[in-house]
Amino acid sequence: MKTNSFVAGLLSAVVIVSSPLMAHSIVNDGPDKTAKTVVAKAVNYTVDTEQSSLTWNAKKVGGEHTGTLKLAKGQLTAEGNKLTAGNFMIDMTTIVDTDITNPSGNKRLTDHLKSEDFFSVEKNPTATFKITKVTPVAGAKAGEPTHTVTGDLSIKGTTKSISFPAAVNVSGNRVEATGTATVNRLDYDIKYRAAIIGTAADKIIDDTFTLNIKLIANKGDKLTAEKVK
């Protein structure tokens, strides 16, 4: 009985392997029987400059100022649901303060920010950021940053690498990325009222300021192929 059972089992195996379905599967596996990995195609998304926003905040002795900037253009690149690259250009001529309600005081600060003491906007009307690396945050919880974004920030002709936490979501035809970057103004030769130029009494304005970044990008826009130079 044991011999008969063994023979019957062997014949069943031969029939299964010889069937068209099994034969087809073996051929599709290829000669090395290794699984083939499907690589997600890189897709470009154009930044919507109207829906996106940049908010700056600078602290000083006894207070702070907040304002906005506008984006000139930008592009993000994703592979599947992963952000892999991107860049955007900031229109520095649009810098404004939003906390001073007195018109003359507001204009005075805005003009000063555009002057040689700060961003020298007439000579340097744009600033740029180019992503060089996007690293997932392990175990990120809902509402927390999902990635660390690293890139080259160029202001006043000087380029420095910065990194900041960001929440990134790639879904369908849309990419959303929000984060807060801390920028050291001394790296870009913005030394007005900084301790580095004199005594501690000169340090009236903090050396760093923050940029709250919100990017909304859509697939299929007519500007998709355009890159920030």
C-alpha atoms as a PDB file:
ATOM      1  CA  MET A   1       0.000   0.000   0.000  1.00  0.00           C
ATOM      2  CA  LYS A   2       2.828   2.397   0.830  1.00  0.00           C
ATOM      3  CA  THR A   3       4.452   1.734  -2.553  1.00  0.00           C
ATOM      4  CA  ASN A   4       1.196   2.326  -4.405  1.00  0.00           C
ATOM      5  CA  SER A   5       0.604   5.589  -2.507  1.00  0.00           C
ATOM      6  CA  PHE A   6       4.112   6.820  -3.354  1.00  0.00           C
ATOM      7  CA  VAL A   7       3.663   6.004  -7.068  1.00  0.00           C
ATOM      8  CA  ALA A   8       0.266   7.713  -7.157  1.00  0.00           C
ATOM      9  CA  GLY A   9       1.729  10.825  -5.522  1.00  0.00           C
ATOM     10  CA  LEU A  10       4.615  10.907  -7.974  1.00  0.00           C
ATOM     11  CA  LEU A  11       2.278  10.609 -10.965  1.00  0.00           C
ATOM     12  CA  SER A  12       0.126  13.464  -9.627  1.00  0.00           C
ATOM     13  CA  ALA A  13       3.175  15.695  -9.331  1.00  0.00           C
ATOM     14  CA  VAL A  14       4.220  14.901 -12.905  1.00  0.00           C
ATOM     15  CA  VAL A  15       0.737  15.760 -14.185  1.00  0.00           C
ATOM     16  CA  ILE A  16       0.698  19.111 -12.311  1.00  0.00           C
ATOM     17  CA  VAL A  17       4.166  20.158 -13.512  1.00  0.00           C
ATOM     18  CA  SER A  18       3.256  19.122 -17.072  1.00  0.00           C
ATOM     19  CA  SER A  19       0.059  21.183 -17.114  1.00  0.00           C
ATOM     20  CA  PRO A  20      -0.030  24.290 -19.354  1.00  0.00           C
ATOM     21  CA  LEU A  21      -0.569  26.589 -16.361  1.00  0.00           C
ATOM     22  CA  MET A  22       2.488  25.390 -14.478  1.00  0.00           C
ATOM     23  CA  ALA A  23       4.629  25.346 -17.599  1.00  0.00           C
ATOM     24  CA  HIS A  24       3.623  28.949 -18.327  1.00  0.00           C
ATOM     25  CA  SER A  25       4.578  30.044 -14.805  1.00  0.00           C
ATOM     26  CA  ILE A  26       8.031  28.485 -15.055  1.00  0.00           C
ATOM     27  CA  VAL A  27       8.730  30.157 -18.396  1.00  0.00           C
ATOM     28  CA  ASN A  28       7.652  33.549 -17.046  1.00  0.00           C
ATOM     29  CA  ASP A  29      10.000  33.193 -14.075  1.00  0.00           C
ATOM     30  CA  GLY A  30      12.957  33.334 -16.462  1.00  0.00           C
ATOM     31  CA  PRO A  31      16.057  31.169 -16.515  1.00  0.00           C
ATOM     32  CA  ASP A  32      17.396  32.524 -13.206  1.00  0.00           C
ATOM     33  CA  LYS A  33      13.998  32.206 -11.425  1.00  0.00           C
ATOM     34  CA  THR A  34      14.472  35.690  -9.882  1.00  0.00           C
ATOM     35  CA  ALA A  35      11.588  38.111  -9.268  1.00  0.00           C
ATOM     36  CA  LYS A  36      11.610  41.258 -11.332  1.00  0.00           C
ATOM     37  CA  THR A  37      11.288  44.613  -9.513  1.00  0.00           C
ATOM     38  CA  VAL A  38       9.004  47.233 -10.991  1.00  0.00           C
ATOM     39  CA  VAL A  39      10.588  50.696 -10.717  1.00  0.00           C
ATOM     40  CA  ALA A  40       8.194  53.625 -10.256  1.00  0.00           C
ATOM     41  CA  LYS A  41       8.458  56.252 -12.981  1.00  0.00           C
ATOM     42  CA  ALA A  42       9.520  59.755 -11.985  1.00  0.00           C
ATOM     43  CA  VAL A  43       6.648  62.224 -12.344  1.00  0.00           C
ATOM     44  CA  ASN A  44       6.945  66.023 -12.238  1.00  0.00           C
ATOM     45  CA  TYR A  45       4.448  68.229 -10.429  1.00  0.00           C
ATOM     46  CA  THR A  46       4.218  71.989 -10.946  1.00  0.00           C
ATOM     47  CA  VAL A  47       4.031  74.143  -7.831  1.00  0.00           C
ATOM     48  CA  ASP A  48       0.824  76.181  -7.652  1.00  0.00           C
ATOM     49  CA  THR A  49       2.209  79.579  -6.640  1.00  0.00           C
ATOM     50  CA  GLU A  50      -1.228  80.863  -5.618  1.00  0.00           C
ATOM     51  CA  GLN A  51      -2.063  78.013  -3.256  1.00  0.00           C
ATOM     52  CA  SER A  52       1.480  77.711  -1.905  1.00  0.00           C
ATOM     53  CA  SER A  53       2.845  80.128   0.697  1.00  0.00           C
ATOM     54  CA  LEU A  54       5.979  81.304   2.505  1.00  0.00           C
ATOM     55  CA  THR A  55       5.817  82.997   5.904  1.00  0.00           C
ATOM     56  CA  TRP A  56       8.894  84.415   7.627  1.00  0.00           C
ATOM     57  CA  ASN A  57       9.484  85.241  11.265  1.00  0.00           C
ATOM     58  CA  ALA A  58      12.416  87.165  12.734  1.00  0.00           C
ATOM     59  CA  LYS A  59      12.937  87.781  16.440  1.00  0.00           C
ATOM     60  CA  LYS A  60      14.694  90.718  18.055  1.00  0.00           C
ATOM     61  CA  VAL A  61      15.295  92.097  21.526  1.00  0.00           C
ATOM     62  CA  GLY A  62      11.859  92.808  22.963  1.00  0.00           C
ATOM     63  CA  GLY A  63       9.807  91.532  20.054  1.00  0.00           C
ATOM     64  CA  GLU A  64       9.529  89.957  16.619  1.00  0.00           C
ATOM     65  CA  HIS A  65       8.257  90.582  13.111  1.00  0.00           C
ATOM     66  CA  THR A  66       6.324  88.315  10.753  1.00  0.00           C
ATOM     67  CA  GLY A  67       5.638  88.620   7.063  1.00  0.00           C
ATOM     68  CA  THR A  68       5.224  86.824   3.758  1.00  0.00           C
ATOM     69  CA  LEU A  69       6.986  86.150   0.475  1.00  0.00           C
ATOM     70  CA  LYS A  70       5.625  84.869  -2.826  1.00  0.00           C
ATOM     71  CA  LEU A  71       6.897  82.031  -4.954  1.00  0.00           C
ATOM     72  CA  ALA A  72       7.844  82.793  -8.549  1.00  0.00           C
ATOM     73  CA  LYS A  73       7.754  79.155  -9.707  1.00  0.00           C
ATOM     74  CA  GLY A  74       8.678  75.642  -8.650  1.00  0.00           C
ATOM     75  CA  GLN A  75       8.574  71.935  -9.380  1.00  0.00           C
ATOM     76  CA  LEU A  76       8.469  68.739  -7.320  1.00  0.00           C
ATOM     77  CA  THR A  77       9.339  65.237  -8.524  1.00  0.00           C
ATOM     78  CA  ALA A  78       7.945  62.007  -7.089  1.00  0.00           C
ATOM     79  CA  GLU A  79       8.419  58.327  -7.817  1.00  0.00           C
ATOM     80  CA  GLY A  80       5.271  56.495  -6.821  1.00  0.00           C
ATOM     81  CA  ASN A  81       4.304  58.023  -3.458  1.00  0.00           C
ATOM     82  CA  LYS A  82       7.848  59.169  -2.649  1.00  0.00           C
ATOM     83  CA  LEU A  83       9.098  62.736  -3.068  1.00  0.00           C
ATOM     84  CA  THR A  84      12.553  62.519  -4.633  1.00  0.00           C
ATOM     85  CA  ALA A  85      13.490  65.993  -5.886  1.00  0.00           C
ATOM     86  CA  GLY A  86      12.284  69.523  -6.351  1.00  0.00           C
ATOM     87  CA  ASN A  87      13.103  73.188  -6.475  1.00  0.00           C
ATOM     88  CA  PHE A  88      11.424  76.538  -6.143  1.00  0.00           C
ATOM     89  CA  MET A  89      12.201  80.191  -6.705  1.00  0.00           C
ATOM     90  CA  ILE A  90      11.262  82.975  -4.273  1.00  0.00           C
ATOM     91  CA  ASP A  91      10.396  86.446  -5.538  1.00  0.00           C
ATOM     92  CA  MET A  92      12.273  88.589  -2.999  1.00  0.00           C
ATOM     93  CA  THR A  93      10.639  91.771  -4.311  1.00  0.00           C
ATOM     94  CA  THR A  94       7.374  90.580  -2.715  1.00  0.00           C
ATOM     95  CA  ILE A  95       8.678  90.563   0.860  1.00  0.00           C
ATOM     96  CA  VAL A  96       6.249  92.335   3.208  1.00  0.00           C
ATOM     97  CA  ASP A  97       5.629  92.666   6.928  1.00  0.00           C
ATOM     98  CA  THR A  98       2.210  91.636   8.224  1.00  0.00           C
ATOM     99  CA  ASP A  99       2.318  92.599  11.919  1.00  0.00           C
ATOM    100  CA  ILE A 100       2.854  96.372  11.725  1.00  0.00           C
ATOM    101  CA  THR A 101      -0.519  98.042  11.167  1.00  0.00           C
ATOM    102  CA  ASN A 102       0.776 101.600  10.832  1.00  0.00           C
ATOM    103  CA  PRO A 103       1.271 102.158   7.071  1.00  0.00           C
ATOM    104  CA  SER A 104       4.348 104.368   7.349  1.00  0.00           C
ATOM    105  CA  GLY A 105       6.003 102.073   9.906  1.00  0.00           C
ATOM    106  CA  ASN A 106       5.202  99.051   7.790  1.00  0.00           C
ATOM    107  CA  LYS A 107       6.708 100.645   4.683  1.00  0.00           C
ATOM    108  CA  ARG A 108       9.818 101.691   6.596  1.00  0.00           C
ATOM    109  CA  LEU A 109      10.497  98.117   7.734  1.00  0.00           C
ATOM    110  CA  THR A 110       9.695  96.612   4.329  1.00  0.00           C
ATOM    111  CA  ASP A 111      12.021  99.050   2.557  1.00  0.00           C
ATOM    112  CA  HIS A 112      14.748  98.301   5.086  1.00  0.00           C
ATOM    113  CA  LEU A 113      14.426  94.549   4.489  1.00  0.00           C
ATOM    114  CA  LYS A 114      14.858  95.162   0.764  1.00  0.00           C
ATOM    115  CA  SER A 115      17.925  97.350   1.310  1.00  0.00           C
ATOM    116  CA  GLU A 116      21.634  96.471   1.353  1.00  0.00           C
ATOM    117  CA  ASP A 117      21.419  95.933   5.130  1.00  0.00           C
ATOM    118  CA  PHE A 118      19.343  92.819   4.562  1.00  0.00           C
ATOM    119  CA  PHE A 119      18.358  91.112   1.295  1.00  0.00           C
ATOM    120  CA  SER A 120      19.652  93.628  -1.266  1.00  0.00           C
ATOM    121  CA  VAL A 121      16.596  92.975  -3.398  1.00  0.00           C
ATOM    122  CA  GLU A 122      17.489  95.325  -6.247  1.00  0.00           C
ATOM    123  CA  LYS A 123      20.666  93.337  -6.958  1.00  0.00           C
ATOM    124  CA  ASN A 124      19.246  89.975  -5.900  1.00  0.00           C
ATOM    125  CA  PRO A 125      15.541  89.860  -6.815  1.00  0.00           C
ATOM    126  CA  THR A 126      15.214  86.088  -6.354  1.00  0.00           C
ATOM    127  CA  ALA A 127      16.283  83.341  -3.966  1.00  0.00           C
ATOM    128  CA  THR A 128      16.149  79.607  -4.717  1.00  0.00           C
ATOM    129  CA  PHE A 129      15.955  76.266  -2.950  1.00  0.00           C
ATOM    130  CA  LYS A 130      16.917  72.963  -4.571  1.00  0.00           C
ATOM    131  CA  ILE A 131      16.202  69.638  -2.853  1.00  0.00           C
ATOM    132  CA  THR A 132      19.217  67.331  -2.685  1.00  0.00           C
ATOM    133  CA  LYS A 133      17.899  64.631  -0.346  1.00  0.00           C
ATOM    134  CA  VAL A 134      14.596  63.485   1.162  1.00  0.00           C
ATOM    135  CA  THR A 135      14.844  61.082   4.121  1.00  0.00           C
ATOM    136  CA  PRO A 136      11.771  59.371   5.652  1.00  0.00           C
ATOM    137  CA  VAL A 137      11.296  59.764   9.412  1.00  0.00           C
ATOM    138  CA  ALA A 138      11.020  56.313  10.971  1.00  0.00           C
ATOM    139  CA  GLY A 139       7.853  55.759  12.969  1.00  0.00           C
ATOM    140  CA  ALA A 140       6.368  59.175  12.187  1.00  0.00           C
ATOM    141  CA  LYS A 141       2.944  59.603  13.799  1.00  0.00           C
ATOM    142  CA  ALA A 142      -0.088  61.373  12.390  1.00  0.00           C
ATOM    143  CA  GLY A 143       0.376  65.124  12.450  1.00  0.00           C
ATOM    144  CA  GLU A 144       4.156  64.889  12.770  1.00  0.00           C
ATOM    145  CA  PRO A 145       6.841  65.508  10.114  1.00  0.00           C
ATOM    146  CA  THR A 146       7.217  62.505   7.834  1.00  0.00           C
ATOM    147  CA  HIS A 147      10.543  63.404   6.219  1.00  0.00           C
ATOM    148  CA  THR A 148      13.751  65.380   6.628  1.00  0.00           C
ATOM    149  CA  VAL A 149      14.335  67.560   3.589  1.00  0.00           C
ATOM    150  CA  THR A 150      17.876  68.663   2.727  1.00  0.00           C
ATOM    151  CA  GLY A 151      18.687  71.146   0.006  1.00  0.00           C
ATOM    152  CA  ASP A 152      20.706  74.108  -1.224  1.00  0.00           C
ATOM    153  CA  LEU A 153      19.313  77.509  -0.273  1.00  0.00           C
ATOM    154  CA  SER A 154      20.677  80.427  -2.309  1.00  0.00           C
ATOM    155  CA  ILE A 155      20.271  84.007  -1.032  1.00  0.00           C
ATOM    156  CA  LYS A 156      22.192  87.064  -2.238  1.00  0.00           C
ATOM    157  CA  GLY A 157      24.401  84.914  -4.450  1.00  0.00           C
ATOM    158  CA  THR A 158      25.483  82.602  -1.622  1.00  0.00           C
ATOM    159  CA  THR A 159      24.446  78.946  -1.460  1.00  0.00           C
ATOM    160  CA  LYS A 160      24.342  76.898   1.747  1.00  0.00           C
ATOM    161  CA  SER A 161      22.922  73.461   2.535  1.00  0.00           C
ATOM    162  CA  ILE A 162      20.098  73.356   5.091  1.00  0.00           C
ATOM    163  CA  SER A 163      17.875  70.579   6.467  1.00  0.00           C
ATOM    164  CA  PHE A 164      14.444  70.782   8.050  1.00  0.00           C
ATOM    165  CA  PRO A 165      11.546  68.477   9.049  1.00  0.00           C
ATOM    166  CA  ALA A 166       8.551  68.380   6.714  1.00  0.00           C
ATOM    167  CA  ALA A 167       5.216  66.643   6.289  1.00  0.00           C
ATOM    168  CA  VAL A 168       5.021  65.267   2.752  1.00  0.00           C
ATOM    169  CA  ASN A 169       2.010  63.694   1.084  1.00  0.00           C
ATOM    170  CA  VAL A 170       1.995  62.401  -2.509  1.00  0.00           C
ATOM    171  CA  SER A 171      -1.496  61.382  -3.584  1.00  0.00           C
ATOM    172  CA  GLY A 172      -2.802  60.993  -7.125  1.00  0.00           C
ATOM    173  CA  ASN A 173      -2.258  64.186  -9.085  1.00  0.00           C
ATOM    174  CA  ARG A 174      -1.203  66.274  -6.105  1.00  0.00           C
ATOM    175  CA  VAL A 175       1.799  66.735  -3.808  1.00  0.00           C
ATOM    176  CA  GLU A 176       1.628  68.657  -0.535  1.00  0.00           C
ATOM    177  CA  ALA A 177       4.690  69.512   1.540  1.00  0.00           C
ATOM    178  CA  THR A 178       4.829  71.692   4.648  1.00  0.00           C
ATOM    179  CA  GLY A 179       7.743  72.439   6.935  1.00  0.00           C
ATOM    180  CA  THR A 180       9.650  75.072   8.873  1.00  0.00           C
ATOM    181  CA  ALA A 181      13.246  75.873   7.969  1.00  0.00           C
ATOM    182  CA  THR A 182      15.598  77.789  10.255  1.00  0.00           C
ATOM    183  CA  VAL A 183      18.002  80.020   8.325  1.00  0.00           C
ATOM    184  CA  ASN A 184      21.172  81.575   9.705  1.00  0.00           C
ATOM    185  CA  ARG A 185      21.332  85.029   8.118  1.00  0.00           C
ATOM    186  CA  LEU A 186      25.065  85.341   8.801  1.00  0.00           C
ATOM    187  CA  ASP A 187      25.649  82.544   6.261  1.00  0.00           C
ATOM    188  CA  TYR A 188      24.309  84.925   3.626  1.00  0.00           C
ATOM    189  CA  ASP A 189      26.229  88.012   4.733  1.00  0.00           C
ATOM    190  CA  ILE A 190      23.216  89.618   6.417  1.00  0.00           C
ATOM    191  CA  LYS A 191      24.962  91.070   9.449  1.00  0.00           C
ATOM    192  CA  TYR A 192      22.924  94.144  10.327  1.00  0.00           C
ATOM    193  CA  ARG A 193      22.635  94.490  14.118  1.00  0.00           C
ATOM    194  CA  ALA A 194      24.351  91.141  14.703  1.00  0.00           C
ATOM    195  CA  ALA A 195      26.791  90.503  17.564  1.00  0.00           C
ATOM    196  CA  ILE A 196      29.420  89.353  15.085  1.00  0.00           C
ATOM    197  CA  ILE A 197      30.009  92.945  13.964  1.00  0.00           C
ATOM    198  CA  GLY A 198      30.597  94.353  17.453  1.00  0.00           C
ATOM    199  CA  THR A 199      29.870  93.870  21.113  1.00  0.00           C
ATOM    200  CA  ALA A 200      26.982  91.977  22.666  1.00  0.00           C
ATOM    201  CA  ALA A 201      25.088  95.273  22.749  1.00  0.00           C
ATOM    202  CA  ASP A 202      24.953  95.187  18.960  1.00  0.00           C
ATOM    203  CA  LYS A 203      23.018  91.927  18.944  1.00  0.00           C
ATOM    204  CA  ILE A 204      19.556  93.392  18.623  1.00  0.00           C
ATOM    205  CA  ILE A 205      18.243  91.016  15.924  1.00  0.00           C
ATOM    206  CA  ASP A 206      18.572  87.226  16.214  1.00  0.00           C
ATOM    207  CA  ASP A 207      21.064  85.596  13.876  1.00  0.00           C
ATOM    208  CA  THR A 208      18.418  83.142  12.662  1.00  0.00           C
ATOM    209  CA  PHE A 209      14.979  83.547  11.147  1.00  0.00           C
ATOM    210  CA  THR A 210      12.393  80.944  10.162  1.00  0.00           C
ATOM    211  CA  LEU A 211      10.586  80.201   6.920  1.00  0.00           C
ATOM    212  CA  ASN A 212       7.267  78.379   7.126  1.00  0.00           C
ATOM    213  CA  ILE A 213       6.933  76.624   3.784  1.00  0.00           C
ATOM    214  CA  LYS A 214       3.734  75.267   2.258  1.00  0.00           C
ATOM    215  CA  LEU A 215       3.977  73.797  -1.221  1.00  0.00           C
ATOM    216  CA  ILE A 216       1.028  72.577  -3.277  1.00  0.00           C
ATOM    217  CA  ALA A 217       1.983  71.007  -6.601  1.00  0.00           C
ATOM    218  CA  ASN A 218      -0.179  69.471  -9.315  1.00  0.00           C
ATOM    219  CA  LYS A 219       0.565  66.988 -12.086  1.00  0.00           C
ATOM    220  CA  GLY A 220      -0.133  67.855 -15.700  1.00  0.00           C
ATOM    221  CA  ASP A 221       0.266  71.631 -15.545  1.00  0.00           C
ATOM    222  CA  LYS A 222       1.619  73.343 -18.645  1.00  0.00           C
ATOM    223  CA  LEU A 223       4.706  74.370 -16.664  1.00  0.00           C
ATOM    224  CA  THR A 224       5.518  70.860 -15.493  1.00  0.00           C
ATOM    225  CA  ALA A 225       8.733  70.596 -17.465  1.00  0.00           C
ATOM    226  CA  GLU A 226      10.051  73.977 -16.404  1.00  0.00           C
ATOM    227  CA  LYS A 227      12.869  73.910 -13.862  1.00  0.00           C
ATOM    228  CA  VAL A 228      14.176  76.624 -11.605  1.00  0.00           C
ATOM    229  CA  LYS A 229      17.564  77.781 -12.877  1.00  0.00           C
END
